[in-house]
Amino acid sequence: MNVNLTRRVSFCAAHSYWIPELSEDENRALFGRWARSEGHGHNYILELTVGGEIDPKTGMVVNITAIDEILRREIVARLDGKFLNREVTHFRTTPTSLEMIVRFAHERIVPFLPARVAFVSLRLFELPTFWSDYEEVDGLMVTSLTRSYEFSASHRLHSNALTDEENRSVFGKCDNLNGHGHNYVFEVTLSGEPDKRTGMLYDLDSLDTIVDQQVISAFDHKHLNLDTPDFRDTNPTSEMLAIAIWQRLALRLPTAKATDTGHAARLSRVVVRETARNSFEYRGD
């Protein structure tokens, strides 16, 4: 029986988006408002997931103490309380983006994992609404970046393909004539290869602008059935909302490798969380 184990560790560190050999104007062109040589700091959270067969003697995949020792020695001891660009040798020549820090963690952790477990993934949070993953997908190591957003909207779950009686039977109170509302949370994930100079998959300010223009402005404080063309003839279930968000973002974000922006990032996933109890994921299939 194969089971995955996830262990979390935290550290505090400062970093700067700044390339010393470039001028201030060149740095601002690359990093936008984040270009500051003096830097800023974060409370980072790193989650390591490993997997393997359960040891019949202990009932465990691996002793958590062994994982903790690796995380404390290779990550916390090296990064906690440090200014990454100035005090960590690796980052004197490597950008200190979230994407590159999680890759550094992979380099430091994997060689020391116990033989009985295999690396599954790493997730590094800069904020609760902003994180990067590094994981193996179809035999290749993939870097991804996820940003979480929210909007408030009302909707009525009612299908024109069903009778009124069938709608009431299928959707119950969610078929309320005047609708009902949610505070929707949705996640946008980009995957690909970080830019060599910035270490970023995609400019965060640009992503925020695109999401605001394409999704939040279209849906926030709207009645989805009545106020949006997306659901004029479509039942606004959360499944269909995830697809609608993808389609709107795909008008502005690449869904395959982009060569014209200097990035090889693509839109790879949209997740919609209607409540704390349910979520819906769409990958453009």
C-alpha atoms as a PDB file:
ATOM      1  CA  MET A   1       0.000   0.000   0.000  1.00  0.00           C
ATOM      2  CA  ASN A   2       1.448   3.317  -1.129  1.00  0.00           C
ATOM      3  CA  VAL A   3       0.725   6.380   0.994  1.00  0.00           C
ATOM      4  CA  ASN A   4       1.817  10.015   0.672  1.00  0.00           C
ATOM      5  CA  LEU A   5       3.016  12.038   3.655  1.00  0.00           C
ATOM      6  CA  THR A   6       3.148  15.853   3.730  1.00  0.00           C
ATOM      7  CA  ARG A   7       5.223  17.749   6.261  1.00  0.00           C
ATOM      8  CA  ARG A   8       5.206  21.524   6.706  1.00  0.00           C
ATOM      9  CA  VAL A   9       7.995  23.834   7.831  1.00  0.00           C
ATOM     10  CA  SER A  10       8.213  27.630   8.027  1.00  0.00           C
ATOM     11  CA  PHE A  11      10.999  30.187   7.785  1.00  0.00           C
ATOM     12  CA  CYS A  12      11.356  33.960   7.561  1.00  0.00           C
ATOM     13  CA  ALA A  13      13.581  35.548   4.946  1.00  0.00           C
ATOM     14  CA  ALA A  14      14.171  38.754   3.022  1.00  0.00           C
ATOM     15  CA  HIS A  15      14.982  39.056  -0.666  1.00  0.00           C
ATOM     16  CA  SER A  16      15.137  41.619  -3.425  1.00  0.00           C
ATOM     17  CA  TYR A  17      14.126  41.597  -7.056  1.00  0.00           C
ATOM     18  CA  TRP A  18      17.225  43.334  -8.309  1.00  0.00           C
ATOM     19  CA  ILE A  19      20.077  42.465 -10.684  1.00  0.00           C
ATOM     20  CA  PRO A  20      23.131  44.529  -9.613  1.00  0.00           C
ATOM     21  CA  GLU A  21      24.734  44.682 -13.056  1.00  0.00           C
ATOM     22  CA  LEU A  22      21.613  46.282 -14.547  1.00  0.00           C
ATOM     23  CA  SER A  23      20.575  49.923 -14.271  1.00  0.00           C
ATOM     24  CA  GLU A  24      17.619  51.033 -12.181  1.00  0.00           C
ATOM     25  CA  ASP A  25      15.532  51.536 -15.316  1.00  0.00           C
ATOM     26  CA  GLU A  26      16.414  48.057 -16.579  1.00  0.00           C
ATOM     27  CA  ASN A  27      15.526  46.509 -13.234  1.00  0.00           C
ATOM     28  CA  ARG A  28      12.197  48.325 -13.188  1.00  0.00           C
ATOM     29  CA  ALA A  29      11.493  47.119 -16.708  1.00  0.00           C
ATOM     30  CA  LEU A  30      12.041  43.532 -15.554  1.00  0.00           C
ATOM     31  CA  PHE A  31      10.491  43.583 -12.091  1.00  0.00           C
ATOM     32  CA  GLY A  32       8.087  46.512 -12.151  1.00  0.00           C
ATOM     33  CA  ARG A  33       7.089  47.882  -8.739  1.00  0.00           C
ATOM     34  CA  TRP A  34       8.905  44.995  -7.033  1.00  0.00           C
ATOM     35  CA  ALA A  35      12.319  46.284  -8.186  1.00  0.00           C
ATOM     36  CA  ARG A  36      13.965  47.442  -4.945  1.00  0.00           C
ATOM     37  CA  SER A  37      17.583  46.747  -4.089  1.00  0.00           C
ATOM     38  CA  GLU A  38      16.908  47.019  -0.336  1.00  0.00           C
ATOM     39  CA  GLY A  39      14.439  44.144  -0.536  1.00  0.00           C
ATOM     40  CA  HIS A  40      11.435  42.993   1.471  1.00  0.00           C
ATOM     41  CA  GLY A  41      10.552  39.961   3.576  1.00  0.00           C
ATOM     42  CA  HIS A  42       8.071  37.096   3.916  1.00  0.00           C
ATOM     43  CA  ASN A  43       6.964  34.398   6.304  1.00  0.00           C
ATOM     44  CA  TYR A  44       7.405  31.447   3.975  1.00  0.00           C
ATOM     45  CA  ILE A  45       5.710  28.072   4.442  1.00  0.00           C
ATOM     46  CA  LEU A  46       7.142  25.009   2.703  1.00  0.00           C
ATOM     47  CA  GLU A  47       5.259  21.734   2.312  1.00  0.00           C
ATOM     48  CA  LEU A  48       7.162  18.584   1.347  1.00  0.00           C
ATOM     49  CA  THR A  49       5.244  15.539   0.137  1.00  0.00           C
ATOM     50  CA  VAL A  50       6.891  12.127  -0.092  1.00  0.00           C
ATOM     51  CA  GLY A  51       5.375   8.738  -0.820  1.00  0.00           C
ATOM     52  CA  GLY A  52       6.124   5.097  -0.350  1.00  0.00           C
ATOM     53  CA  GLU A  53       5.043   1.707   0.901  1.00  0.00           C
ATOM     54  CA  ILE A  54       3.950   1.387   4.515  1.00  0.00           C
ATOM     55  CA  ASP A  55       6.517  -0.337   6.724  1.00  0.00           C
ATOM     56  CA  PRO A  56       4.693  -3.420   8.088  1.00  0.00           C
ATOM     57  CA  LYS A  57       6.629  -3.193  11.359  1.00  0.00           C
ATOM     58  CA  THR A  58       5.881   0.451  12.183  1.00  0.00           C
ATOM     59  CA  GLY A  59       2.740   1.142  10.166  1.00  0.00           C
ATOM     60  CA  MET A  60       4.429   4.285   8.843  1.00  0.00           C
ATOM     61  CA  VAL A  61       5.671   5.372   5.435  1.00  0.00           C
ATOM     62  CA  VAL A  62       8.653   7.025   7.083  1.00  0.00           C
ATOM     63  CA  ASN A  63       9.507   8.369  10.501  1.00  0.00           C
ATOM     64  CA  ILE A  64       8.464  12.029  10.521  1.00  0.00           C
ATOM     65  CA  THR A  65      11.461  12.788  12.733  1.00  0.00           C
ATOM     66  CA  ALA A  66      13.745  11.913   9.811  1.00  0.00           C
ATOM     67  CA  ILE A  67      11.853  14.287   7.491  1.00  0.00           C
ATOM     68  CA  ASP A  68      11.920  17.058  10.105  1.00  0.00           C
ATOM     69  CA  GLU A  69      15.676  16.710  10.495  1.00  0.00           C
ATOM     70  CA  ILE A  70      16.210  17.160   6.752  1.00  0.00           C
ATOM     71  CA  LEU A  71      13.894  20.178   6.576  1.00  0.00           C
ATOM     72  CA  ARG A  72      15.471  21.870   9.586  1.00  0.00           C
ATOM     73  CA  ARG A  73      19.039  21.261   8.433  1.00  0.00           C
ATOM     74  CA  GLU A  74      18.697  21.891   4.698  1.00  0.00           C
ATOM     75  CA  ILE A  75      16.032  24.606   4.622  1.00  0.00           C
ATOM     76  CA  VAL A  76      15.436  26.340   7.947  1.00  0.00           C
ATOM     77  CA  ALA A  77      19.087  26.496   8.995  1.00  0.00           C
ATOM     78  CA  ARG A  78      20.120  27.818   5.570  1.00  0.00           C
ATOM     79  CA  LEU A  79      17.315  30.320   4.917  1.00  0.00           C
ATOM     80  CA  ASP A  80      15.626  31.383   8.155  1.00  0.00           C
ATOM     81  CA  GLY A  81      16.430  34.944   9.200  1.00  0.00           C
ATOM     82  CA  LYS A  82      18.549  35.539   6.105  1.00  0.00           C
ATOM     83  CA  PHE A  83      18.625  38.106   3.314  1.00  0.00           C
ATOM     84  CA  LEU A  84      18.701  35.535   0.538  1.00  0.00           C
ATOM     85  CA  ASN A  85      20.496  37.562  -2.157  1.00  0.00           C
ATOM     86  CA  ARG A  86      23.304  38.591   0.186  1.00  0.00           C
ATOM     87  CA  GLU A  87      23.689  35.749   2.669  1.00  0.00           C
ATOM     88  CA  VAL A  88      22.898  32.547   0.777  1.00  0.00           C
ATOM     89  CA  THR A  89      25.582  31.678  -1.772  1.00  0.00           C
ATOM     90  CA  HIS A  90      23.163  29.986  -4.159  1.00  0.00           C
ATOM     91  CA  PHE A  91      21.087  33.158  -4.542  1.00  0.00           C
ATOM     92  CA  ARG A  92      23.972  35.482  -5.267  1.00  0.00           C
ATOM     93  CA  THR A  93      23.701  34.313  -8.876  1.00  0.00           C
ATOM     94  CA  THR A  94      20.144  32.925  -8.911  1.00  0.00           C
ATOM     95  CA  PRO A  95      16.944  35.013  -8.803  1.00  0.00           C
ATOM     96  CA  THR A  96      15.063  34.870  -5.502  1.00  0.00           C
ATOM     97  CA  SER A  97      11.615  34.383  -6.994  1.00  0.00           C
ATOM     98  CA  LEU A  98       9.203  31.987  -5.328  1.00  0.00           C
ATOM     99  CA  GLU A  99       9.684  29.602  -8.241  1.00  0.00           C
ATOM    100  CA  MET A 100      13.461  29.488  -7.842  1.00  0.00           C
ATOM    101  CA  ILE A 101      13.352  29.162  -4.044  1.00  0.00           C
ATOM    102  CA  VAL A 102      11.159  26.069  -4.288  1.00  0.00           C
ATOM    103  CA  ARG A 103      13.608  24.612  -6.826  1.00  0.00           C
ATOM    104  CA  PHE A 104      16.470  25.313  -4.429  1.00  0.00           C
ATOM    105  CA  ALA A 105      14.543  23.454  -1.729  1.00  0.00           C
ATOM    106  CA  HIS A 106      14.211  20.477  -4.060  1.00  0.00           C
ATOM    107  CA  GLU A 107      17.967  20.424  -4.713  1.00  0.00           C
ATOM    108  CA  ARG A 108      18.727  20.521  -0.994  1.00  0.00           C
ATOM    109  CA  ILE A 109      16.116  18.011   0.181  1.00  0.00           C
ATOM    110  CA  VAL A 110      15.899  15.179  -2.331  1.00  0.00           C
ATOM    111  CA  PRO A 111      19.470  13.793  -1.989  1.00  0.00           C
ATOM    112  CA  PHE A 112      18.877  13.212   1.728  1.00  0.00           C
ATOM    113  CA  LEU A 113      15.460  11.561   1.637  1.00  0.00           C
ATOM    114  CA  PRO A 114      15.338   8.079   3.190  1.00  0.00           C
ATOM    115  CA  ALA A 115      15.638   5.329   0.597  1.00  0.00           C
ATOM    116  CA  ARG A 116      12.195   3.940   1.373  1.00  0.00           C
ATOM    117  CA  VAL A 117      10.341   7.063   0.188  1.00  0.00           C
ATOM    118  CA  ALA A 118      10.199   8.965  -3.091  1.00  0.00           C
ATOM    119  CA  PHE A 119       9.838  12.676  -3.674  1.00  0.00           C
ATOM    120  CA  VAL A 120       6.318  13.660  -4.763  1.00  0.00           C
ATOM    121  CA  SER A 121       6.123  17.460  -4.604  1.00  0.00           C
ATOM    122  CA  LEU A 122       7.096  20.706  -2.915  1.00  0.00           C
ATOM    123  CA  ARG A 123       4.796  23.648  -2.338  1.00  0.00           C
ATOM    124  CA  LEU A 124       6.129  27.013  -1.173  1.00  0.00           C
ATOM    125  CA  PHE A 125       3.743  29.696   0.081  1.00  0.00           C
ATOM    126  CA  GLU A 126       4.759  33.346   0.042  1.00  0.00           C
ATOM    127  CA  LEU A 127       1.220  34.300   1.062  1.00  0.00           C
ATOM    128  CA  PRO A 128      -1.878  32.199   1.742  1.00  0.00           C
ATOM    129  CA  THR A 129      -3.083  33.393  -1.675  1.00  0.00           C
ATOM    130  CA  PHE A 130       0.184  32.907  -3.584  1.00  0.00           C
ATOM    131  CA  TRP A 131       2.316  29.780  -3.913  1.00  0.00           C
ATOM    132  CA  SER A 132       4.588  27.778  -6.202  1.00  0.00           C
ATOM    133  CA  ASP A 133       4.725  24.010  -6.743  1.00  0.00           C
ATOM    134  CA  TYR A 134       7.559  21.847  -7.982  1.00  0.00           C
ATOM    135  CA  GLU A 135       6.554  18.298  -8.852  1.00  0.00           C
ATOM    136  CA  GLU A 136       7.024  15.435 -11.282  1.00  0.00           C
ATOM    137  CA  VAL A 137       4.385  15.212 -14.017  1.00  0.00           C
ATOM    138  CA  ASP A 138       4.611  12.469 -16.647  1.00  0.00           C
ATOM    139  CA  GLY A 139       8.283  11.966 -15.895  1.00  0.00           C
ATOM    140  CA  LEU A 140       9.196  15.655 -16.101  1.00  0.00           C
ATOM    141  CA  MET A 141       9.791  18.164 -13.308  1.00  0.00           C
ATOM    142  CA  VAL A 142       7.251  20.964 -13.596  1.00  0.00           C
ATOM    143  CA  THR A 143       7.224  24.387 -11.956  1.00  0.00           C
ATOM    144  CA  SER A 144       3.882  26.074 -11.414  1.00  0.00           C
ATOM    145  CA  LEU A 145       2.649  29.285  -9.865  1.00  0.00           C
ATOM    146  CA  THR A 146      -0.807  29.716  -8.320  1.00  0.00           C
ATOM    147  CA  ARG A 147      -2.615  32.885  -7.352  1.00  0.00           C
ATOM    148  CA  SER A 148      -5.925  32.871  -5.462  1.00  0.00           C
ATOM    149  CA  TYR A 149      -8.662  35.477  -6.004  1.00  0.00           C
ATOM    150  CA  GLU A 150     -12.267  35.996  -4.956  1.00  0.00           C
ATOM    151  CA  PHE A 151     -15.510  37.627  -5.981  1.00  0.00           C
ATOM    152  CA  SER A 152     -19.103  37.704  -4.740  1.00  0.00           C
ATOM    153  CA  ALA A 153     -21.982  36.785  -7.016  1.00  0.00           C
ATOM    154  CA  SER A 154     -25.472  35.343  -7.017  1.00  0.00           C
ATOM    155  CA  HIS A 155     -26.926  32.679  -9.289  1.00  0.00           C
ATOM    156  CA  ARG A 156     -29.891  30.402  -9.765  1.00  0.00           C
ATOM    157  CA  LEU A 157     -29.269  26.775 -10.638  1.00  0.00           C
ATOM    158  CA  HIS A 158     -31.908  26.157 -13.273  1.00  0.00           C
ATOM    159  CA  SER A 159     -31.523  24.234 -16.535  1.00  0.00           C
ATOM    160  CA  ASN A 160     -33.634  25.063 -19.565  1.00  0.00           C
ATOM    161  CA  ALA A 161     -33.289  21.419 -20.576  1.00  0.00           C
ATOM    162  CA  LEU A 162     -35.341  20.333 -17.545  1.00  0.00           C
ATOM    163  CA  THR A 163     -38.918  20.989 -16.511  1.00  0.00           C
ATOM    164  CA  ASP A 164     -39.621  23.173 -13.494  1.00  0.00           C
ATOM    165  CA  GLU A 165     -40.418  20.062 -11.494  1.00  0.00           C
ATOM    166  CA  GLU A 166     -37.202  18.357 -12.591  1.00  0.00           C
ATOM    167  CA  ASN A 167     -35.194  21.473 -11.721  1.00  0.00           C
ATOM    168  CA  ARG A 168     -36.677  21.566  -8.230  1.00  0.00           C
ATOM    169  CA  SER A 169     -35.919  17.865  -7.813  1.00  0.00           C
ATOM    170  CA  VAL A 170     -32.294  18.194  -8.989  1.00  0.00           C
ATOM    171  CA  PHE A 171     -31.283  21.567  -7.522  1.00  0.00           C
ATOM    172  CA  GLY A 172     -33.591  21.924  -4.508  1.00  0.00           C
ATOM    173  CA  LYS A 173     -33.259  25.282  -2.743  1.00  0.00           C
ATOM    174  CA  CYS A 174     -30.527  26.290  -5.196  1.00  0.00           C
ATOM    175  CA  ASP A 175     -33.327  26.656  -7.777  1.00  0.00           C
ATOM    176  CA  ASN A 176     -34.737  29.572  -5.771  1.00  0.00           C
ATOM    177  CA  LEU A 177     -36.499  31.908  -8.228  1.00  0.00           C
ATOM    178  CA  ASN A 178     -34.547  34.985  -7.105  1.00  0.00           C
ATOM    179  CA  GLY A 179     -31.263  33.155  -6.775  1.00  0.00           C
ATOM    180  CA  HIS A 180     -28.774  32.926  -3.913  1.00  0.00           C
ATOM    181  CA  GLY A 181     -25.172  34.080  -3.425  1.00  0.00           C
ATOM    182  CA  HIS A 182     -21.639  32.909  -2.742  1.00  0.00           C
ATOM    183  CA  ASN A 183     -18.251  34.355  -1.940  1.00  0.00           C
ATOM    184  CA  TYR A 184     -16.429  32.499  -4.685  1.00  0.00           C
ATOM    185  CA  VAL A 185     -12.702  31.802  -4.344  1.00  0.00           C
ATOM    186  CA  PHE A 186     -10.850  30.772  -7.479  1.00  0.00           C
ATOM    187  CA  GLU A 187      -7.262  29.781  -8.179  1.00  0.00           C
ATOM    188  CA  VAL A 188      -5.344  30.427 -11.382  1.00  0.00           C
ATOM    189  CA  THR A 189      -2.312  28.214 -12.034  1.00  0.00           C
ATOM    190  CA  LEU A 190       0.406  28.830 -14.612  1.00  0.00           C
ATOM    191  CA  SER A 191       3.010  26.173 -15.419  1.00  0.00           C
ATOM    192  CA  GLY A 192       6.221  26.196 -17.398  1.00  0.00           C
ATOM    193  CA  GLU A 193       9.845  27.255 -17.252  1.00  0.00           C
ATOM    194  CA  PRO A 194      10.798  30.380 -15.256  1.00  0.00           C
ATOM    195  CA  ASP A 195      12.473  33.227 -17.085  1.00  0.00           C
ATOM    196  CA  LYS A 196      16.241  32.900 -16.687  1.00  0.00           C
ATOM    197  CA  ARG A 197      16.829  36.526 -15.724  1.00  0.00           C
ATOM    198  CA  THR A 198      13.880  37.111 -13.369  1.00  0.00           C
ATOM    199  CA  GLY A 199      13.248  33.573 -12.174  1.00  0.00           C
ATOM    200  CA  MET A 200       9.529  34.201 -12.698  1.00  0.00           C
ATOM    201  CA  LEU A 201       7.010  32.242 -14.695  1.00  0.00           C
ATOM    202  CA  TYR A 202       4.873  35.308 -15.317  1.00  0.00           C
ATOM    203  CA  ASP A 203       4.756  38.903 -14.137  1.00  0.00           C
ATOM    204  CA  LEU A 204       2.429  38.969 -11.120  1.00  0.00           C
ATOM    205  CA  ASP A 205       1.136  42.486 -11.726  1.00  0.00           C
ATOM    206  CA  SER A 206       0.223  41.542 -15.299  1.00  0.00           C
ATOM    207  CA  LEU A 207      -1.539  38.408 -14.085  1.00  0.00           C
ATOM    208  CA  ASP A 208      -3.530  40.398 -11.521  1.00  0.00           C
ATOM    209  CA  THR A 209      -4.561  42.907 -14.175  1.00  0.00           C
ATOM    210  CA  ILE A 210      -5.693  40.194 -16.583  1.00  0.00           C
ATOM    211  CA  VAL A 211      -7.677  38.377 -13.897  1.00  0.00           C
ATOM    212  CA  ASP A 212      -9.316  41.605 -12.761  1.00  0.00           C
ATOM    213  CA  GLN A 213     -10.287  42.620 -16.280  1.00  0.00           C
ATOM    214  CA  GLN A 214     -11.343  39.212 -17.561  1.00  0.00           C
ATOM    215  CA  VAL A 215     -12.964  37.634 -14.509  1.00  0.00           C
ATOM    216  CA  ILE A 216     -13.517  39.815 -11.450  1.00  0.00           C
ATOM    217  CA  SER A 217     -14.919  42.796 -13.354  1.00  0.00           C
ATOM    218  CA  ALA A 218     -17.218  40.453 -15.266  1.00  0.00           C
ATOM    219  CA  PHE A 219     -18.593  38.475 -12.324  1.00  0.00           C
ATOM    220  CA  ASP A 220     -18.152  40.404  -9.079  1.00  0.00           C
ATOM    221  CA  HIS A 221     -21.440  41.562  -7.520  1.00  0.00           C
ATOM    222  CA  LYS A 222     -23.375  40.229 -10.504  1.00  0.00           C
ATOM    223  CA  HIS A 223     -26.284  37.838 -10.878  1.00  0.00           C
ATOM    224  CA  LEU A 224     -24.614  35.296 -13.132  1.00  0.00           C
ATOM    225  CA  ASN A 225     -27.815  34.245 -14.905  1.00  0.00           C
ATOM    226  CA  LEU A 226     -29.067  37.769 -15.536  1.00  0.00           C
ATOM    227  CA  ASP A 227     -26.012  40.016 -15.762  1.00  0.00           C
ATOM    228  CA  THR A 228     -23.432  37.987 -17.688  1.00  0.00           C
ATOM    229  CA  PRO A 229     -23.459  36.729 -21.295  1.00  0.00           C
ATOM    230  CA  ASP A 230     -21.562  33.618 -20.176  1.00  0.00           C
ATOM    231  CA  PHE A 231     -24.640  32.202 -18.451  1.00  0.00           C
ATOM    232  CA  ARG A 232     -27.495  33.639 -20.435  1.00  0.00           C
ATOM    233  CA  ASP A 233     -28.175  30.180 -21.880  1.00  0.00           C
ATOM    234  CA  THR A 234     -25.968  28.107 -19.579  1.00  0.00           C
ATOM    235  CA  ASN A 235     -26.774  26.843 -16.100  1.00  0.00           C
ATOM    236  CA  PRO A 236     -24.219  28.615 -13.821  1.00  0.00           C
ATOM    237  CA  THR A 237     -23.017  25.600 -11.874  1.00  0.00           C
ATOM    238  CA  SER A 238     -19.544  25.863 -10.393  1.00  0.00           C
ATOM    239  CA  GLU A 239     -18.355  23.341 -12.974  1.00  0.00           C
ATOM    240  CA  MET A 240     -19.471  25.681 -15.751  1.00  0.00           C
ATOM    241  CA  LEU A 241     -18.069  28.687 -13.886  1.00  0.00           C
ATOM    242  CA  ALA A 242     -14.619  27.057 -13.819  1.00  0.00           C
ATOM    243  CA  ILE A 243     -14.826  26.551 -17.584  1.00  0.00           C
ATOM    244  CA  ALA A 244     -16.031  30.123 -18.138  1.00  0.00           C
ATOM    245  CA  ILE A 245     -13.126  31.523 -16.097  1.00  0.00           C
ATOM    246  CA  TRP A 246     -10.669  29.399 -18.103  1.00  0.00           C
ATOM    247  CA  GLN A 247     -12.156  30.578 -21.402  1.00  0.00           C
ATOM    248  CA  ARG A 248     -12.002  34.215 -20.342  1.00  0.00           C
ATOM    249  CA  LEU A 249      -8.381  33.928 -19.177  1.00  0.00           C
ATOM    250  CA  ALA A 250      -7.372  32.016 -22.313  1.00  0.00           C
ATOM    251  CA  LEU A 251      -8.181  35.150 -24.312  1.00  0.00           C
ATOM    252  CA  ARG A 252      -5.227  36.879 -22.636  1.00  0.00           C
ATOM    253  CA  LEU A 253      -3.021  34.122 -21.207  1.00  0.00           C
ATOM    254  CA  PRO A 254      -1.169  31.504 -23.263  1.00  0.00           C
ATOM    255  CA  THR A 255      -2.367  27.934 -22.922  1.00  0.00           C
ATOM    256  CA  ALA A 256       0.733  26.672 -24.723  1.00  0.00           C
ATOM    257  CA  LYS A 257       4.354  27.802 -24.662  1.00  0.00           C
ATOM    258  CA  ALA A 258       4.673  31.521 -25.292  1.00  0.00           C
ATOM    259  CA  THR A 259       7.687  32.761 -27.220  1.00  0.00           C
ATOM    260  CA  ASP A 260       6.685  36.392 -27.629  1.00  0.00           C
ATOM    261  CA  THR A 261       6.737  37.345 -23.933  1.00  0.00           C
ATOM    262  CA  GLY A 262      10.073  35.863 -22.895  1.00  0.00           C
ATOM    263  CA  HIS A 263       8.203  33.335 -20.783  1.00  0.00           C
ATOM    264  CA  ALA A 264       7.320  29.709 -21.386  1.00  0.00           C
ATOM    265  CA  ALA A 265       4.346  29.838 -19.032  1.00  0.00           C
ATOM    266  CA  ARG A 266       0.900  28.543 -19.840  1.00  0.00           C
ATOM    267  CA  LEU A 267      -2.463  28.542 -18.143  1.00  0.00           C
ATOM    268  CA  SER A 268      -2.717  25.023 -16.743  1.00  0.00           C
ATOM    269  CA  ARG A 269      -5.499  24.950 -14.143  1.00  0.00           C
ATOM    270  CA  VAL A 270      -8.485  26.833 -12.763  1.00  0.00           C
ATOM    271  CA  VAL A 271     -10.063  25.866  -9.450  1.00  0.00           C
ATOM    272  CA  VAL A 272     -13.365  27.287  -8.200  1.00  0.00           C
ATOM    273  CA  ARG A 273     -14.297  26.996  -4.529  1.00  0.00           C
ATOM    274  CA  GLU A 274     -17.990  27.693  -4.116  1.00  0.00           C
ATOM    275  CA  THR A 275     -17.989  26.893  -0.378  1.00  0.00           C
ATOM    276  CA  ALA A 276     -15.498  25.456   2.089  1.00  0.00           C
ATOM    277  CA  ARG A 277     -16.954  22.040   1.340  1.00  0.00           C
ATOM    278  CA  ASN A 278     -16.678  21.819  -2.434  1.00  0.00           C
ATOM    279  CA  SER A 279     -14.279  22.789  -5.188  1.00  0.00           C
ATOM    280  CA  PHE A 280     -14.151  22.274  -8.943  1.00  0.00           C
ATOM    281  CA  GLU A 281     -11.053  21.999 -11.143  1.00  0.00           C
ATOM    282  CA  TYR A 282     -10.690  22.509 -14.886  1.00  0.00           C
ATOM    283  CA  ARG A 283      -7.511  22.033 -16.943  1.00  0.00           C
ATOM    284  CA  GLY A 284      -8.737  23.044 -20.377  1.00  0.00           C
ATOM    285  CA  ASP A 285      -9.681  19.537 -21.473  1.00  0.00           C
END
